Protein backbone atom coordinates (compact mmCIF):
# COMPACT_ATOMS: atom_id res chain seq x y z
CA MET A 1 -51.08 -27.24 -74.60
CA GLN A 2 -47.97 -26.97 -72.49
CA PHE A 3 -47.95 -24.99 -69.31
CA GLU A 4 -45.95 -21.82 -69.83
CA SER A 5 -43.64 -20.46 -67.15
CA HIS A 6 -44.66 -17.23 -65.48
CA SER A 7 -43.02 -13.91 -66.10
CA ASN A 8 -40.67 -12.51 -63.47
CA ARG A 9 -43.56 -10.40 -62.16
CA ASP A 10 -45.77 -13.45 -61.70
CA VAL A 11 -43.03 -15.50 -60.04
CA LYS A 12 -42.39 -12.71 -57.58
CA ARG A 13 -46.06 -12.81 -56.58
CA LEU A 14 -45.66 -16.45 -55.50
CA VAL A 15 -43.13 -15.69 -52.80
CA SER A 16 -45.64 -14.19 -50.36
CA ALA A 17 -46.97 -16.31 -47.53
CA THR A 18 -50.55 -15.70 -48.75
CA ASP A 19 -49.84 -16.93 -52.26
CA LEU A 20 -48.08 -20.00 -50.90
CA ARG A 21 -51.12 -20.86 -48.77
CA TYR A 22 -53.35 -20.58 -51.82
CA LEU A 23 -50.97 -22.76 -53.81
CA ARG A 24 -50.82 -25.46 -51.11
CA SER A 25 -54.59 -25.51 -50.84
CA PHE A 26 -54.93 -26.07 -54.58
CA LEU A 27 -52.25 -28.80 -54.62
CA GLU A 28 -53.97 -30.64 -51.80
CA VAL A 29 -57.36 -30.46 -53.55
CA ALA A 30 -55.75 -31.68 -56.78
CA ARG A 31 -54.17 -34.58 -54.89
CA CYS A 32 -57.26 -35.58 -52.92
CA ARG A 33 -59.84 -34.68 -55.62
CA SER A 34 -61.92 -33.38 -52.75
CA PHE A 35 -62.30 -30.06 -50.94
CA SER A 36 -63.41 -31.70 -47.69
CA LYS A 37 -60.46 -34.12 -47.60
CA ALA A 38 -58.03 -31.34 -48.51
CA ALA A 39 -59.47 -29.16 -45.73
CA ALA A 40 -59.06 -31.96 -43.18
CA SER A 41 -55.48 -32.60 -44.32
CA LEU A 42 -54.59 -28.91 -44.08
CA HIS A 43 -56.49 -28.37 -40.80
CA LEU A 44 -58.60 -25.67 -42.45
CA THR A 45 -62.29 -25.25 -43.09
CA GLN A 46 -63.68 -26.38 -46.43
CA GLN A 47 -64.85 -22.82 -47.07
CA ALA A 48 -61.27 -21.51 -46.54
CA VAL A 49 -59.79 -24.03 -48.97
CA SER A 50 -62.42 -23.27 -51.59
CA GLY A 51 -61.75 -19.55 -51.18
CA HIS A 52 -57.99 -20.06 -51.58
CA VAL A 53 -58.44 -21.93 -54.85
CA LYS A 54 -60.87 -19.32 -56.24
CA LEU A 55 -58.44 -16.49 -55.42
CA LEU A 56 -55.57 -18.42 -57.03
CA GLU A 57 -57.65 -18.96 -60.20
CA GLN A 58 -58.51 -15.28 -60.29
CA GLU A 59 -54.85 -14.38 -59.90
CA LEU A 60 -53.80 -16.70 -62.73
CA GLY A 61 -56.81 -15.98 -64.94
CA VAL A 62 -57.49 -19.68 -65.61
CA SER A 63 -59.74 -22.46 -64.31
CA LEU A 64 -57.71 -25.04 -62.44
CA LEU A 65 -60.60 -27.29 -61.38
CA TYR A 66 -63.96 -28.53 -62.67
CA ARG A 67 -66.43 -28.60 -59.79
CA THR A 68 -69.70 -30.41 -59.52
CA THR A 69 -71.80 -31.16 -56.47
CA ARG A 70 -70.15 -34.58 -56.20
CA THR A 71 -66.77 -34.48 -57.91
CA VAL A 72 -63.71 -32.34 -58.36
CA THR A 73 -61.66 -32.75 -61.52
CA VAL A 74 -58.39 -31.05 -62.40
CA THR A 75 -58.38 -29.24 -65.73
CA GLU A 76 -55.63 -29.89 -68.27
CA ILE A 77 -53.90 -26.59 -67.53
CA GLY A 78 -54.59 -27.16 -63.84
CA GLN A 79 -52.75 -30.49 -63.97
CA GLN A 80 -49.78 -28.93 -65.77
CA PHE A 81 -49.73 -26.18 -63.17
CA ALA A 82 -49.99 -28.73 -60.36
CA ASP A 83 -47.06 -30.78 -61.72
CA ALA A 84 -44.82 -27.71 -61.91
CA ALA A 85 -46.05 -26.22 -58.64
CA THR A 86 -45.51 -29.47 -56.75
CA GLU A 87 -41.82 -29.33 -57.63
CA LEU A 88 -41.76 -25.68 -56.56
CA ALA A 89 -43.48 -26.49 -53.24
CA GLU A 90 -41.03 -29.32 -52.54
CA HIS A 91 -38.13 -26.99 -53.26
CA ILE A 92 -39.58 -24.38 -50.89
CA ASP A 93 -40.09 -27.04 -48.20
CA HIS A 94 -36.48 -28.17 -48.60
CA LEU A 95 -35.25 -24.57 -48.46
CA TRP A 96 -37.39 -23.92 -45.40
CA GLU A 97 -36.10 -27.00 -43.55
CA ARG A 98 -32.49 -26.31 -44.50
CA THR A 99 -32.76 -22.71 -43.31
CA ILE A 100 -34.30 -23.78 -40.00
CA GLU A 101 -31.56 -26.39 -39.57
CA ARG A 102 -28.88 -23.80 -40.21
CA GLY A 103 -30.57 -21.43 -37.83
CA ARG A 104 -30.62 -24.06 -35.12
CA GLU A 105 -26.98 -24.78 -35.81
CA ALA A 106 -26.13 -21.10 -35.56
CA ALA A 107 -28.23 -20.57 -32.44
CA GLY A 108 -28.38 -24.07 -31.05
CA THR A 109 -26.38 -26.12 -28.61
CA VAL A 110 -22.61 -26.38 -28.37
CA HIS A 111 -21.39 -29.38 -26.38
CA VAL A 112 -18.39 -28.30 -24.35
CA GLY A 113 -16.09 -30.73 -22.57
CA ILE A 114 -14.13 -29.31 -19.64
CA SER A 115 -11.49 -31.14 -17.66
CA LEU A 116 -11.61 -30.75 -13.90
CA SER A 117 -8.60 -28.42 -13.77
CA ALA A 118 -10.06 -26.26 -16.55
CA GLY A 119 -13.46 -26.25 -14.89
CA TYR A 120 -12.11 -24.41 -11.89
CA GLN A 121 -11.15 -21.43 -13.98
CA VAL A 122 -13.20 -21.51 -17.18
CA ALA A 123 -16.70 -22.93 -16.81
CA SER A 124 -18.52 -20.28 -14.81
CA GLU A 125 -16.91 -17.34 -16.63
CA LEU A 126 -17.56 -18.92 -20.02
CA VAL A 127 -21.25 -19.50 -19.34
CA GLU A 128 -21.71 -15.97 -18.01
CA VAL A 129 -19.98 -14.24 -20.93
CA ALA A 130 -21.60 -16.46 -23.60
CA SER A 131 -25.12 -16.08 -22.19
CA LEU A 132 -24.80 -12.29 -22.20
CA GLU A 133 -23.49 -12.15 -25.76
CA ARG A 134 -25.76 -14.74 -27.38
CA PRO A 135 -28.45 -16.13 -25.06
CA ALA A 136 -30.02 -18.19 -27.89
CA VAL A 137 -27.00 -20.51 -27.90
CA ALA A 138 -27.09 -23.16 -25.19
CA LEU A 139 -23.80 -24.44 -23.80
CA ARG A 140 -24.02 -28.04 -22.72
CA ILE A 141 -21.05 -28.46 -20.40
CA SER A 142 -19.73 -31.85 -19.34
CA GLU A 143 -16.86 -32.51 -16.97
CA ILE A 144 -14.59 -35.07 -18.59
CA ALA A 145 -11.24 -36.57 -17.61
CA PRO A 146 -8.44 -34.97 -19.67
CA ASP A 147 -7.39 -38.17 -21.44
CA GLU A 148 -11.01 -39.00 -22.31
CA LEU A 149 -11.72 -35.42 -23.39
CA VAL A 150 -9.27 -35.56 -26.28
CA ILE A 151 -10.72 -38.90 -27.40
CA ASP A 152 -14.29 -37.56 -27.19
CA LEU A 153 -13.28 -34.56 -29.29
CA HIS A 154 -11.72 -36.79 -31.95
CA ARG A 155 -14.90 -38.89 -32.07
CA GLY A 156 -17.21 -35.89 -32.28
CA HIS A 157 -18.89 -36.53 -28.93
CA ILE A 158 -18.11 -32.94 -27.93
CA ASP A 159 -17.67 -29.79 -30.03
CA VAL A 160 -15.14 -27.88 -27.94
CA GLY A 161 -12.71 -28.97 -25.24
CA PHE A 162 -10.94 -27.06 -22.48
CA VAL A 163 -7.96 -28.85 -20.98
CA LEU A 164 -4.76 -28.09 -19.13
CA ALA A 165 -1.52 -29.08 -20.88
CA PRO A 166 -3.20 -31.45 -23.37
CA VAL A 167 -1.42 -34.40 -24.97
CA GLY A 168 -2.24 -36.36 -28.13
CA ILE A 169 -3.73 -33.38 -29.98
CA GLU A 170 -1.79 -33.66 -33.23
CA ASP A 171 -4.97 -34.00 -35.34
CA LEU A 172 -6.88 -31.25 -33.54
CA GLU A 173 -6.92 -27.46 -33.74
CA GLY A 174 -5.98 -25.74 -30.50
CA TRP A 175 -4.77 -22.56 -28.89
CA PRO A 176 -3.38 -21.80 -25.41
CA PHE A 177 -5.49 -19.03 -23.90
CA LEU A 178 -4.20 -18.98 -20.32
CA ARG A 179 -0.44 -18.97 -19.76
CA GLY A 180 0.94 -20.67 -16.68
CA THR A 181 3.61 -22.79 -15.11
CA LEU A 182 4.04 -25.07 -12.07
CA SER A 183 4.44 -23.98 -8.48
CA LEU A 184 5.02 -26.09 -5.38
CA LEU A 185 1.92 -27.19 -3.49
CA MET A 186 2.43 -28.06 0.15
CA SER A 187 0.86 -28.04 3.57
CA ARG A 188 1.20 -24.89 5.63
CA THR A 189 3.03 -27.10 8.14
CA HIS A 190 5.70 -28.15 5.62
CA PRO A 191 9.21 -26.87 6.50
CA LEU A 192 9.45 -25.05 3.16
CA ALA A 193 6.09 -23.31 3.53
CA ARG A 194 7.74 -20.26 5.07
CA GLU A 195 9.77 -19.57 1.93
CA GLN A 196 8.73 -16.82 -0.49
CA CYS A 197 10.41 -18.51 -3.45
CA ILE A 198 12.13 -21.87 -3.79
CA THR A 199 14.89 -23.13 -6.03
CA THR A 200 14.65 -26.65 -7.34
CA GLY A 201 17.78 -27.47 -5.38
CA GLN A 202 15.95 -26.79 -2.11
CA VAL A 203 13.49 -29.62 -2.70
CA ALA A 204 16.09 -32.25 -3.54
CA GLY A 205 15.48 -35.19 -1.24
CA GLU A 206 11.91 -34.17 -0.51
CA TYR A 207 9.06 -36.48 -1.34
CA LEU A 208 7.11 -35.62 -4.48
CA ARG A 209 3.62 -37.00 -4.72
CA THR A 210 1.52 -36.88 -7.87
CA ALA A 211 -1.99 -37.90 -8.77
CA PRO A 212 -2.32 -40.68 -11.38
CA ARG A 213 -1.39 -39.69 -14.93
CA GLN A 214 -4.95 -40.06 -16.22
CA SER A 215 -6.12 -37.27 -13.91
CA SER A 216 -4.06 -34.78 -15.95
CA PRO A 217 -1.56 -36.37 -18.38
CA GLY A 218 0.03 -33.10 -19.41
CA VAL A 219 0.65 -31.89 -15.86
CA TYR A 220 1.89 -35.33 -14.82
CA ASP A 221 4.37 -35.47 -17.70
CA MET A 222 5.63 -31.96 -16.92
CA SER A 223 6.02 -32.89 -13.26
CA MET A 224 8.03 -35.98 -14.11
CA LYS A 225 10.19 -34.08 -16.58
CA LEU A 226 10.91 -31.39 -14.00
CA ALA A 227 11.65 -33.93 -11.28
CA GLU A 228 14.02 -35.84 -13.55
CA ARG A 229 15.76 -32.69 -14.75
CA GLU A 230 16.37 -31.38 -11.25
CA GLN A 231 16.89 -34.81 -9.69
CA LEU A 232 14.05 -34.34 -7.24
CA LEU A 233 14.34 -37.73 -5.61
CA PRO A 234 13.03 -39.88 -4.12
CA ILE A 235 9.75 -39.59 -6.04
CA LYS A 236 6.67 -41.39 -4.83
CA LYS A 237 3.79 -41.74 -7.26
CA SER A 238 0.41 -41.71 -5.64
CA ILE A 239 -1.93 -44.63 -6.29
CA SER A 240 -4.85 -42.57 -5.01
CA ALA A 241 -7.29 -40.95 -7.37
CA ASN A 242 -7.33 -37.81 -5.20
CA LEU A 243 -6.09 -34.72 -6.97
CA VAL A 244 -4.12 -33.81 -3.85
CA PRO A 245 -2.52 -36.86 -2.17
CA THR A 246 -3.01 -37.30 1.57
CA GLN A 247 0.73 -37.02 2.30
CA VAL A 248 0.68 -33.42 1.02
CA PHE A 249 -2.02 -32.50 3.55
CA GLU A 250 0.04 -34.17 6.29
CA GLY A 251 3.12 -32.10 5.46
CA LYS A 252 5.16 -35.18 4.51
CA ALA A 253 5.44 -34.43 0.79
CA PHE A 254 4.83 -31.76 -1.80
CA SER A 255 3.09 -31.76 -5.15
CA PHE A 256 2.77 -29.36 -8.07
CA TRP A 257 0.02 -26.81 -8.65
CA PRO A 258 -0.66 -25.27 -12.09
CA THR A 259 -0.60 -21.50 -11.71
CA VAL A 260 -3.47 -21.06 -14.20
CA VAL A 261 -5.79 -22.54 -11.56
CA PRO A 262 -6.57 -19.71 -9.12
CA SER A 263 -5.44 -20.17 -5.53
CA ARG A 264 -9.02 -19.63 -4.33
CA PHE A 265 -9.76 -23.16 -5.52
CA MET A 266 -6.96 -24.61 -3.43
CA PRO A 267 -8.03 -26.94 -0.59
CA ALA A 268 -7.89 -25.45 2.90
CA GLY A 269 -4.64 -25.92 4.78
CA LEU A 270 -2.45 -25.83 1.67
CA LYS A 271 -0.44 -23.10 -0.01
CA THR A 272 1.74 -22.66 -3.07
CA VAL A 273 5.28 -21.38 -3.28
CA PRO A 274 6.67 -20.33 -6.66
CA PHE A 275 9.88 -21.66 -8.15
CA MET A 276 12.73 -19.25 -8.59
CA ASP A 277 13.89 -21.32 -11.57
CA ASP A 278 11.79 -21.67 -14.71
CA PRO A 279 9.91 -24.97 -14.37
CA GLY A 280 8.44 -24.80 -17.90
CA SER A 281 5.11 -23.77 -19.39
CA VAL A 282 1.81 -25.41 -18.39
CA ASP A 283 -0.99 -23.67 -20.31
CA MET A 284 -4.77 -23.95 -20.56
CA TRP A 285 -5.93 -24.81 -24.10
CA ILE A 286 -9.12 -24.64 -26.11
CA LEU A 287 -9.41 -27.52 -28.59
CA VAL A 288 -11.68 -28.14 -31.58
CA ARG A 289 -11.75 -30.55 -34.48
CA PRO A 290 -10.15 -29.38 -37.75
CA PRO A 291 -12.22 -26.98 -39.92
CA PRO A 292 -14.80 -26.54 -41.25
CA LEU A 293 -16.37 -25.43 -37.96
CA THR A 294 -19.98 -24.44 -37.40
CA GLU A 295 -20.80 -20.79 -36.86
CA SER A 296 -21.61 -21.43 -33.19
CA ILE A 297 -18.27 -23.12 -32.53
CA ASN A 298 -16.37 -20.32 -34.27
CA TRP A 299 -18.31 -17.83 -32.16
CA LEU A 300 -17.45 -19.67 -28.93
CA VAL A 301 -13.76 -19.85 -29.83
CA GLY A 302 -13.85 -16.14 -30.55
CA ILE A 303 -15.33 -15.42 -27.11
CA VAL A 304 -12.52 -17.30 -25.41
CA MET A 305 -9.80 -15.59 -27.41
CA ARG A 306 -11.31 -12.16 -26.69
CA HIS A 307 -12.22 -12.67 -23.04
CA TRP A 308 -9.01 -14.13 -21.69
CA PRO A 309 -6.22 -11.58 -22.21
CA CYS A 310 -3.46 -14.18 -22.45
CA ALA A 311 -4.97 -15.72 -25.59
CA ILE A 312 -2.68 -15.88 -28.61
C-alpha cells in the first residue's frame, strides 16, 4: 500500500506549531526506535513524546507504531508517512532558517565606512536618525581613510561608504547628498583674515599648504586644480600627516576647507574666508556597491537622501 497524500484540509492542519511538535516527536521515535532515546534527543519527557505520538495517530486515524514493553517498530503505513514527513520537516527547517536569515539581514547590522571629513558631519546625525527610525538595525561605523574606503567598498568589507569628493568610484553606485565647495582656511593672524571675501587673485604669491593626497584624494585634486588654474604659486605640499599643516596655524600659509564640514569642527585659532570666484564643487557622497542591495542598505540610503535636504 502506498501512502496517500492528505487532502487540503489535512495539510492545513499540519501547519500549526502543535501539529509540528507531534510530527517531530514521531519522526524522532521512528528514527531511534525508542521513546526514551527520542525524549532525550528532543529534551522532552518520555511521557510527553508518547502523548504526542498518540495524538498524531488519533488525528490521522492510523497506527504508526507497534509498541511492546521492550521494542518499538514502525508500521508499514507509519514508515511511508515517516519518509514523506521527513522531507516535509526538512523543507520546513530550511524555510525557517531562510526566513530567520532574511530577518537578520533586514534587521541586522550594516557596516558603514566613514572618512574623517565625512565623520565630522555625518556620523552622529546618522546614528541618531537611524536608531529612532529602526532601532533593530545596528550600524557598525568604522573610520577609514578615503582612499582605503573605496577599496574596502569594492571588496565588500563595508556595506556603505561616506566620503568627501570621492575618486575611483566608476564601478560603484553613489549620490552626492551634501553640496559644497572650497573656502580658504587660514590663521586669524594671517593678513587676509580680515577680508569678508577673497578673489583668487588676492592669494597669488601666498603659500598654499595641503595635507598628503591619501588623507582626502578628491579634495587634494580639487585644490591642485584650483591652484593651477589660478596660478596660486608658489605651492608647498605638506609632508605631514596632519589635516591642517603647522604653517597654517602660524599664519605663514593658507589651506583649503570644504564648506560641507561645519565650521564648529574647525581647530581653534583658524577661520575660513569664502572665495568670490567659483572654486568648483566639492560634495559629500554616499557610496554603495552596484545592486542588488539588501533591504537594510536600501533603507539606510533612503534615510540619508531624506534627512539631508541637499540630496539629489
